[in-house]
Amino acid sequence: MKKFVIFAAAACLSASVFAAKPTKVSFDSYGTAEDGTEYATYIVKCSNGKKLPLTAWDNRKQWCVGEESKENCEKKQLNAAKKACKLR
C-alpha cells in the first residue's frame, strides 16, 4: 500500500511539473462587441506550443479566456494567461 501512495504522489507531482505555462502574450487586434463594448484581443503562447486567445475588457481591467469571451475572467493578464494554458 505504501508503494501505491508514493507512486500516486509522484504521478501528481510530475503532472503539475509538465502542465503548460504561458511563455508570451502578444497584442492581436481591437474589436467591438455586438452591444458596442470595445475590447482588445491578445494571443497567449503556451509552453506546450499552443496559441490561445485572451480578450481584454474595460480598458484591460478584465482579462477573459477566449475570443470575445466574458467567461473565465481574471483581473490580471498573467492569471488569465495561466488559466488559458491550463484549460486547453
N, C-alpha and C. Protein backbone atom coordinates (compact mmCIF):
# COMPACT_ATOMS: atom_id res chain seq x y z
N MET A 1 0.81 -1.18 0.00
CA MET A 1 0.00 0.00 0.00
C MET A 1 0.87 1.26 0.00
N LYS A 2 1.99 1.22 0.74
CA LYS A 2 2.88 2.39 0.78
C LYS A 2 3.41 2.72 -0.61
N LYS A 3 3.76 1.67 -1.38
CA LYS A 3 4.30 1.89 -2.71
C LYS A 3 3.29 2.58 -3.61
N PHE A 4 2.01 2.19 -3.47
CA PHE A 4 0.96 2.81 -4.29
C PHE A 4 0.81 4.29 -3.95
N VAL A 5 0.84 4.63 -2.66
CA VAL A 5 0.70 6.02 -2.23
C VAL A 5 1.87 6.85 -2.74
N ILE A 6 3.07 6.32 -2.66
CA ILE A 6 4.26 7.03 -3.15
C ILE A 6 4.17 7.21 -4.66
N PHE A 7 3.75 6.18 -5.37
CA PHE A 7 3.61 6.26 -6.83
C PHE A 7 2.57 7.31 -7.21
N ALA A 8 1.43 7.32 -6.52
CA ALA A 8 0.37 8.28 -6.81
C ALA A 8 0.84 9.71 -6.55
N ALA A 9 1.55 9.92 -5.47
CA ALA A 9 2.08 11.25 -5.17
C ALA A 9 3.08 11.70 -6.22
N ALA A 10 3.93 10.79 -6.66
CA ALA A 10 4.92 11.11 -7.69
C ALA A 10 4.23 11.43 -9.01
N ALA A 11 3.17 10.70 -9.34
CA ALA A 11 2.44 10.94 -10.58
C ALA A 11 1.78 12.32 -10.56
N CYS A 12 1.21 12.71 -9.44
CA CYS A 12 0.58 14.03 -9.32
C CYS A 12 1.62 15.14 -9.44
N LEU A 13 2.76 14.95 -8.81
CA LEU A 13 3.83 15.93 -8.86
C LEU A 13 4.34 16.09 -10.28
N SER A 14 4.56 14.99 -10.98
CA SER A 14 5.08 15.09 -12.34
C SER A 14 4.07 15.71 -13.28
N ALA A 15 2.78 15.48 -13.05
CA ALA A 15 1.75 16.09 -13.90
C ALA A 15 1.74 17.60 -13.73
N SER A 16 1.94 18.09 -12.52
CA SER A 16 1.95 19.53 -12.31
C SER A 16 3.21 20.17 -12.87
N VAL A 17 4.30 19.44 -12.89
CA VAL A 17 5.55 19.96 -13.45
C VAL A 17 5.42 20.15 -14.96
N PHE A 18 4.69 19.25 -15.63
CA PHE A 18 4.57 19.30 -17.08
C PHE A 18 3.34 20.06 -17.56
N ALA A 19 2.61 20.71 -16.67
CA ALA A 19 1.46 21.50 -17.08
C ALA A 19 1.94 22.67 -17.93
N ALA A 20 1.17 22.98 -18.96
CA ALA A 20 1.54 24.08 -19.85
C ALA A 20 1.48 25.41 -19.10
N LYS A 21 2.44 26.26 -19.40
CA LYS A 21 2.52 27.58 -18.78
C LYS A 21 2.65 28.63 -19.89
N PRO A 22 2.17 29.84 -19.64
CA PRO A 22 2.30 30.88 -20.66
C PRO A 22 3.76 31.33 -20.81
N THR A 23 4.18 31.50 -22.05
CA THR A 23 5.55 31.94 -22.31
C THR A 23 5.58 33.33 -22.93
N LYS A 24 4.47 33.74 -23.59
CA LYS A 24 4.44 35.04 -24.25
C LYS A 24 3.00 35.47 -24.46
N VAL A 25 2.73 36.76 -24.27
CA VAL A 25 1.41 37.33 -24.56
C VAL A 25 1.62 38.48 -25.53
N SER A 26 0.94 38.41 -26.68
CA SER A 26 1.11 39.42 -27.73
C SER A 26 -0.23 40.03 -28.10
N PHE A 27 -0.22 41.33 -28.37
CA PHE A 27 -1.43 42.02 -28.84
C PHE A 27 -1.79 41.50 -30.22
N ASP A 28 -3.10 41.32 -30.46
CA ASP A 28 -3.56 40.86 -31.76
C ASP A 28 -4.38 41.93 -32.47
N SER A 29 -5.50 42.38 -31.85
CA SER A 29 -6.35 43.36 -32.52
C SER A 29 -7.35 43.99 -31.55
N TYR A 30 -7.98 45.06 -32.03
CA TYR A 30 -9.08 45.69 -31.31
C TYR A 30 -10.37 45.25 -31.97
N GLY A 31 -11.46 45.29 -31.21
CA GLY A 31 -12.76 44.94 -31.76
C GLY A 31 -13.87 45.60 -30.97
N THR A 32 -15.07 45.46 -31.50
CA THR A 32 -16.27 45.97 -30.84
C THR A 32 -17.30 44.85 -30.79
N ALA A 33 -17.82 44.60 -29.61
CA ALA A 33 -18.83 43.56 -29.42
C ALA A 33 -20.17 44.03 -29.99
N GLU A 34 -21.12 43.11 -30.09
CA GLU A 34 -22.44 43.44 -30.64
C GLU A 34 -23.14 44.53 -29.84
N ASP A 35 -22.87 44.59 -28.53
CA ASP A 35 -23.51 45.60 -27.69
C ASP A 35 -22.77 46.94 -27.72
N GLY A 36 -21.72 47.05 -28.53
CA GLY A 36 -20.97 48.29 -28.67
C GLY A 36 -19.77 48.42 -27.74
N THR A 37 -19.55 47.44 -26.89
CA THR A 37 -18.42 47.46 -25.96
C THR A 37 -17.13 47.17 -26.72
N GLU A 38 -16.12 47.99 -26.48
CA GLU A 38 -14.83 47.79 -27.13
C GLU A 38 -13.97 46.82 -26.33
N TYR A 39 -13.15 46.06 -27.02
CA TYR A 39 -12.26 45.09 -26.39
C TYR A 39 -10.99 44.97 -27.20
N ALA A 40 -10.00 44.32 -26.62
CA ALA A 40 -8.75 44.03 -27.32
C ALA A 40 -8.49 42.53 -27.23
N THR A 41 -7.96 41.96 -28.29
CA THR A 41 -7.64 40.54 -28.31
C THR A 41 -6.13 40.35 -28.25
N TYR A 42 -5.70 39.44 -27.42
CA TYR A 42 -4.30 39.09 -27.27
C TYR A 42 -4.15 37.60 -27.51
N ILE A 43 -2.95 37.17 -27.89
CA ILE A 43 -2.65 35.76 -28.11
C ILE A 43 -1.63 35.31 -27.07
N VAL A 44 -1.96 34.23 -26.39
CA VAL A 44 -1.07 33.64 -25.39
C VAL A 44 -0.38 32.44 -26.02
N LYS A 45 0.94 32.41 -25.96
CA LYS A 45 1.69 31.25 -26.42
C LYS A 45 2.06 30.45 -25.17
N CYS A 46 1.70 29.16 -25.19
CA CYS A 46 1.94 28.29 -24.04
C CYS A 46 3.17 27.42 -24.26
N SER A 47 3.71 26.91 -23.18
CA SER A 47 4.93 26.09 -23.25
C SER A 47 4.72 24.78 -24.01
N ASN A 48 3.47 24.37 -24.23
CA ASN A 48 3.20 23.16 -25.00
C ASN A 48 3.02 23.45 -26.49
N GLY A 49 3.25 24.71 -26.90
CA GLY A 49 3.19 25.08 -28.30
C GLY A 49 1.84 25.64 -28.75
N LYS A 50 0.82 25.56 -27.93
CA LYS A 50 -0.49 26.06 -28.33
C LYS A 50 -0.55 27.58 -28.22
N LYS A 51 -1.36 28.17 -29.08
CA LYS A 51 -1.61 29.61 -29.06
C LYS A 51 -3.10 29.81 -28.82
N LEU A 52 -3.42 30.57 -27.78
CA LEU A 52 -4.82 30.73 -27.37
C LEU A 52 -5.16 32.21 -27.22
N PRO A 53 -6.43 32.58 -27.51
CA PRO A 53 -6.82 33.98 -27.40
C PRO A 53 -7.22 34.38 -25.98
N LEU A 54 -6.94 35.64 -25.66
CA LEU A 54 -7.43 36.30 -24.45
C LEU A 54 -8.15 37.56 -24.91
N THR A 55 -9.21 37.93 -24.21
CA THR A 55 -9.91 39.16 -24.52
C THR A 55 -9.83 40.09 -23.33
N ALA A 56 -9.40 41.32 -23.57
CA ALA A 56 -9.29 42.33 -22.52
C ALA A 56 -10.48 43.29 -22.64
N TRP A 57 -11.21 43.45 -21.54
CA TRP A 57 -12.38 44.31 -21.48
C TRP A 57 -12.12 45.46 -20.51
N ASP A 58 -12.92 46.50 -20.58
CA ASP A 58 -12.87 47.63 -19.66
C ASP A 58 -11.46 48.22 -19.54
N ASN A 59 -10.88 48.55 -20.68
CA ASN A 59 -9.53 49.13 -20.72
C ASN A 59 -8.52 48.26 -19.97
N ARG A 60 -8.53 46.98 -20.25
CA ARG A 60 -7.62 45.97 -19.70
C ARG A 60 -7.77 45.79 -18.18
N LYS A 61 -8.96 46.01 -17.67
CA LYS A 61 -9.22 45.76 -16.25
C LYS A 61 -9.76 44.36 -16.03
N GLN A 62 -10.26 43.73 -17.10
CA GLN A 62 -10.79 42.37 -17.01
C GLN A 62 -10.24 41.57 -18.19
N TRP A 63 -9.60 40.43 -17.87
CA TRP A 63 -8.99 39.57 -18.87
C TRP A 63 -9.73 38.24 -18.90
N CYS A 64 -10.22 37.85 -20.07
CA CYS A 64 -11.02 36.64 -20.18
C CYS A 64 -10.40 35.67 -21.19
N VAL A 65 -10.54 34.38 -20.90
CA VAL A 65 -10.03 33.33 -21.77
C VAL A 65 -10.99 33.16 -22.94
N GLY A 66 -10.48 33.23 -24.16
CA GLY A 66 -11.30 33.05 -25.35
C GLY A 66 -11.43 34.33 -26.13
N GLU A 67 -11.89 34.20 -27.37
CA GLU A 67 -12.06 35.35 -28.23
C GLU A 67 -13.46 35.92 -28.05
N GLU A 68 -13.56 37.20 -27.78
CA GLU A 68 -14.82 37.89 -27.49
C GLU A 68 -15.57 37.23 -26.34
N SER A 69 -14.85 36.67 -25.40
CA SER A 69 -15.46 35.95 -24.29
C SER A 69 -15.51 36.81 -23.03
N LYS A 70 -16.54 36.58 -22.24
CA LYS A 70 -16.64 37.21 -20.92
C LYS A 70 -16.75 36.13 -19.85
N GLU A 71 -16.20 34.94 -20.15
CA GLU A 71 -16.19 33.83 -19.20
C GLU A 71 -14.75 33.51 -18.84
N ASN A 72 -14.55 32.86 -17.70
CA ASN A 72 -13.21 32.53 -17.22
C ASN A 72 -12.34 33.78 -17.16
N CYS A 73 -12.80 34.78 -16.44
CA CYS A 73 -12.12 36.07 -16.39
C CYS A 73 -11.29 36.24 -15.11
N GLU A 74 -10.28 37.08 -15.24
CA GLU A 74 -9.37 37.42 -14.14
C GLU A 74 -9.11 38.92 -14.18
N LYS A 75 -8.63 39.45 -13.08
CA LYS A 75 -8.27 40.87 -13.04
C LYS A 75 -6.89 41.13 -13.61
N LYS A 76 -6.04 40.10 -13.63
CA LYS A 76 -4.67 40.27 -14.11
C LYS A 76 -4.43 39.42 -15.36
N GLN A 77 -3.65 39.98 -16.28
CA GLN A 77 -3.33 39.31 -17.53
C GLN A 77 -2.63 37.98 -17.29
N LEU A 78 -1.66 37.95 -16.40
CA LEU A 78 -0.90 36.73 -16.15
C LEU A 78 -1.79 35.61 -15.63
N ASN A 79 -2.70 35.93 -14.73
CA ASN A 79 -3.60 34.90 -14.20
C ASN A 79 -4.51 34.33 -15.29
N ALA A 80 -5.00 35.19 -16.18
CA ALA A 80 -5.84 34.73 -17.29
C ALA A 80 -5.01 33.88 -18.26
N ALA A 81 -3.78 34.28 -18.50
CA ALA A 81 -2.90 33.50 -19.40
C ALA A 81 -2.62 32.11 -18.81
N LYS A 82 -2.36 32.05 -17.52
CA LYS A 82 -2.14 30.76 -16.86
C LYS A 82 -3.37 29.88 -16.97
N LYS A 83 -4.54 30.49 -16.77
CA LYS A 83 -5.80 29.74 -16.85
C LYS A 83 -6.02 29.21 -18.26
N ALA A 84 -5.71 30.02 -19.27
CA ALA A 84 -5.88 29.61 -20.66
C ALA A 84 -5.01 28.40 -20.98
N CYS A 85 -3.75 28.43 -20.57
CA CYS A 85 -2.84 27.33 -20.86
C CYS A 85 -3.23 26.08 -20.08
N LYS A 86 -3.76 26.26 -18.90
CA LYS A 86 -4.15 25.13 -18.07
C LYS A 86 -5.44 24.47 -18.59
N LEU A 87 -6.39 25.28 -19.07
CA LEU A 87 -7.67 24.76 -19.53
C LEU A 87 -7.58 24.02 -20.84
N ARG A 88 -6.68 24.43 -21.69
CA ARG A 88 -6.66 23.84 -23.04
C ARG A 88 -5.39 23.14 -23.34
